[in-house]
Amino acid sequence: MNPYEVCIIGAGLAVSVLAHNLAPKLDVCVVERRRTEEIGIKACGGGVHKAWFERARPKP
């Protein structure tokens, strides 16, 4: 198993955009305590699209 180059804790708006922008160049891991279905419920959460997480999920 290869280590990630960047690990971001929390999937809030700012860090999600950061992870999305870093992902083309670096191996990025985002750790969030909430379930994927709960992300984006907050008023500002509309800026984080679920597709970002679905595309970035590691393959088994």
N, C-alpha and C. Protein backbone atom coordinates (compact mmCIF):
# COMPACT_ATOMS: atom_id res chain seq x y z
N MET A 1 0.84 -1.19 0.00
CA MET A 1 0.00 0.00 0.00
C MET A 1 0.88 1.24 0.00
N ASN A 2 0.62 2.13 -0.93
CA ASN A 2 1.39 3.37 -1.03
C ASN A 2 0.79 4.43 -0.14
N PRO A 3 1.62 5.21 0.55
CA PRO A 3 1.08 6.30 1.38
C PRO A 3 0.59 7.44 0.49
N TYR A 4 -0.33 8.20 1.03
CA TYR A 4 -0.82 9.40 0.33
C TYR A 4 0.20 10.52 0.49
N GLU A 5 0.24 11.41 -0.47
CA GLU A 5 1.13 12.55 -0.37
C GLU A 5 0.51 13.66 0.47
N VAL A 6 -0.84 13.74 0.44
CA VAL A 6 -1.57 14.75 1.21
C VAL A 6 -2.77 14.08 1.86
N CYS A 7 -2.97 14.31 3.15
CA CYS A 7 -4.16 13.81 3.85
C CYS A 7 -4.85 15.01 4.48
N ILE A 8 -6.11 15.21 4.13
CA ILE A 8 -6.88 16.35 4.61
C ILE A 8 -7.99 15.84 5.53
N ILE A 9 -8.09 16.42 6.71
CA ILE A 9 -9.10 16.01 7.68
C ILE A 9 -10.27 16.98 7.59
N GLY A 10 -11.46 16.44 7.30
CA GLY A 10 -12.66 17.27 7.19
C GLY A 10 -12.99 17.53 5.73
N ALA A 11 -14.27 17.43 5.40
CA ALA A 11 -14.69 17.63 4.01
C ALA A 11 -15.55 18.88 3.88
N GLY A 12 -15.15 19.92 4.58
CA GLY A 12 -15.87 21.19 4.46
C GLY A 12 -15.61 21.82 3.10
N LEU A 13 -16.22 22.93 2.86
CA LEU A 13 -16.14 23.59 1.56
C LEU A 13 -14.70 23.89 1.15
N ALA A 14 -13.96 24.59 2.00
CA ALA A 14 -12.61 25.02 1.63
C ALA A 14 -11.67 23.84 1.40
N VAL A 15 -11.67 22.88 2.31
CA VAL A 15 -10.74 21.76 2.14
C VAL A 15 -11.16 20.83 1.00
N SER A 16 -12.43 20.75 0.72
CA SER A 16 -12.88 19.93 -0.40
C SER A 16 -12.42 20.53 -1.73
N VAL A 17 -12.50 21.84 -1.83
CA VAL A 17 -12.01 22.51 -3.04
C VAL A 17 -10.49 22.34 -3.14
N LEU A 18 -9.81 22.46 -2.01
CA LEU A 18 -8.37 22.25 -1.99
C LEU A 18 -8.02 20.84 -2.46
N ALA A 19 -8.69 19.83 -1.92
CA ALA A 19 -8.44 18.45 -2.31
C ALA A 19 -8.71 18.23 -3.79
N HIS A 20 -9.79 18.81 -4.27
CA HIS A 20 -10.15 18.67 -5.68
C HIS A 20 -9.07 19.28 -6.57
N ASN A 21 -8.53 20.42 -6.17
CA ASN A 21 -7.51 21.09 -6.97
C ASN A 21 -6.15 20.40 -6.89
N LEU A 22 -5.86 19.75 -5.76
CA LEU A 22 -4.57 19.06 -5.61
C LEU A 22 -4.57 17.68 -6.27
N ALA A 23 -5.74 17.07 -6.38
CA ALA A 23 -5.85 15.68 -6.84
C ALA A 23 -5.22 15.38 -8.21
N PRO A 24 -5.27 16.29 -9.17
CA PRO A 24 -4.64 15.95 -10.46
C PRO A 24 -3.12 15.77 -10.37
N LYS A 25 -2.49 16.37 -9.36
CA LYS A 25 -1.03 16.33 -9.28
C LYS A 25 -0.50 15.48 -8.13
N LEU A 26 -1.32 15.29 -7.10
CA LEU A 26 -0.87 14.58 -5.90
C LEU A 26 -1.86 13.48 -5.52
N ASP A 27 -1.37 12.50 -4.76
CA ASP A 27 -2.24 11.47 -4.19
C ASP A 27 -2.88 12.05 -2.94
N VAL A 28 -4.19 12.28 -2.97
CA VAL A 28 -4.88 12.98 -1.89
C VAL A 28 -5.88 12.06 -1.20
N CYS A 29 -5.91 12.14 0.12
CA CYS A 29 -6.87 11.41 0.94
C CYS A 29 -7.67 12.43 1.75
N VAL A 30 -9.00 12.33 1.70
CA VAL A 30 -9.86 13.21 2.51
C VAL A 30 -10.57 12.33 3.52
N VAL A 31 -10.44 12.67 4.81
CA VAL A 31 -11.07 11.91 5.88
C VAL A 31 -12.19 12.76 6.46
N GLU A 32 -13.38 12.20 6.51
CA GLU A 32 -14.56 12.91 7.02
C GLU A 32 -15.33 11.98 7.94
N ARG A 33 -15.79 12.48 9.07
CA ARG A 33 -16.52 11.63 10.01
C ARG A 33 -17.97 11.40 9.58
N ARG A 34 -18.52 12.33 8.80
CA ARG A 34 -19.91 12.17 8.36
C ARG A 34 -19.99 11.22 7.17
N ARG A 35 -21.16 10.63 6.98
CA ARG A 35 -21.39 9.77 5.81
C ARG A 35 -21.47 10.64 4.56
N THR A 36 -21.19 10.05 3.42
CA THR A 36 -21.22 10.78 2.15
C THR A 36 -22.57 11.43 1.92
N GLU A 37 -23.66 10.75 2.32
CA GLU A 37 -25.01 11.29 2.11
C GLU A 37 -25.25 12.58 2.89
N GLU A 38 -24.49 12.80 3.97
CA GLU A 38 -24.69 13.98 4.81
C GLU A 38 -23.88 15.18 4.34
N ILE A 39 -22.91 14.97 3.49
CA ILE A 39 -22.08 16.08 3.01
C ILE A 39 -22.91 16.93 2.07
N GLY A 40 -22.87 18.22 2.27
CA GLY A 40 -23.60 19.14 1.41
C GLY A 40 -24.95 19.55 1.98
N ILE A 41 -25.28 19.12 3.19
CA ILE A 41 -26.56 19.48 3.80
C ILE A 41 -26.55 20.93 4.28
N LYS A 42 -25.41 21.40 4.77
CA LYS A 42 -25.33 22.79 5.24
C LYS A 42 -25.59 23.75 4.07
N ALA A 43 -25.99 24.96 4.42
CA ALA A 43 -26.31 25.96 3.38
C ALA A 43 -25.14 26.20 2.44
N CYS A 44 -23.93 26.24 2.96
CA CYS A 44 -22.77 26.49 2.10
C CYS A 44 -22.27 25.22 1.43
N GLY A 45 -22.84 24.08 1.79
CA GLY A 45 -22.35 22.81 1.28
C GLY A 45 -22.64 22.58 -0.19
N GLY A 46 -23.47 23.41 -0.81
CA GLY A 46 -23.77 23.23 -2.22
C GLY A 46 -22.55 23.40 -3.11
N GLY A 47 -21.49 24.01 -2.57
CA GLY A 47 -20.27 24.20 -3.33
C GLY A 47 -19.44 22.93 -3.45
N VAL A 48 -19.76 21.91 -2.68
CA VAL A 48 -19.04 20.66 -2.72
C VAL A 48 -19.94 19.63 -3.37
N HIS A 49 -19.61 19.25 -4.56
CA HIS A 49 -20.45 18.31 -5.29
C HIS A 49 -20.07 16.88 -4.94
N LYS A 50 -21.06 16.04 -4.71
CA LYS A 50 -20.83 14.64 -4.36
C LYS A 50 -19.98 13.91 -5.38
N ALA A 51 -20.07 14.31 -6.62
CA ALA A 51 -19.30 13.65 -7.68
C ALA A 51 -17.81 13.72 -7.41
N TRP A 52 -17.35 14.78 -6.73
CA TRP A 52 -15.93 14.88 -6.42
C TRP A 52 -15.50 13.70 -5.56
N PHE A 53 -16.34 13.34 -4.60
CA PHE A 53 -16.00 12.23 -3.71
C PHE A 53 -16.16 10.89 -4.41
N GLU A 54 -17.16 10.77 -5.25
CA GLU A 54 -17.41 9.51 -5.95
C GLU A 54 -16.27 9.21 -6.92
N ARG A 55 -15.76 10.22 -7.61
CA ARG A 55 -14.64 10.00 -8.54
C ARG A 55 -13.35 9.70 -7.79
N ALA A 56 -13.21 10.26 -6.60
CA ALA A 56 -11.97 10.14 -5.86
C ALA A 56 -11.90 8.90 -4.98
N ARG A 57 -12.98 8.12 -4.89
CA ARG A 57 -12.97 6.92 -4.05
C ARG A 57 -11.94 5.94 -4.54
N PRO A 58 -11.14 5.41 -3.59
CA PRO A 58 -10.14 4.42 -4.01
C PRO A 58 -10.81 3.14 -4.50
N LYS A 59 -10.21 2.52 -5.47
CA LYS A 59 -10.73 1.26 -5.98
C LYS A 59 -10.22 0.12 -5.12
N PRO A 60 -11.08 -0.85 -4.82
CA PRO A 60 -10.65 -1.97 -3.95
C PRO A 60 -9.59 -2.84 -4.60
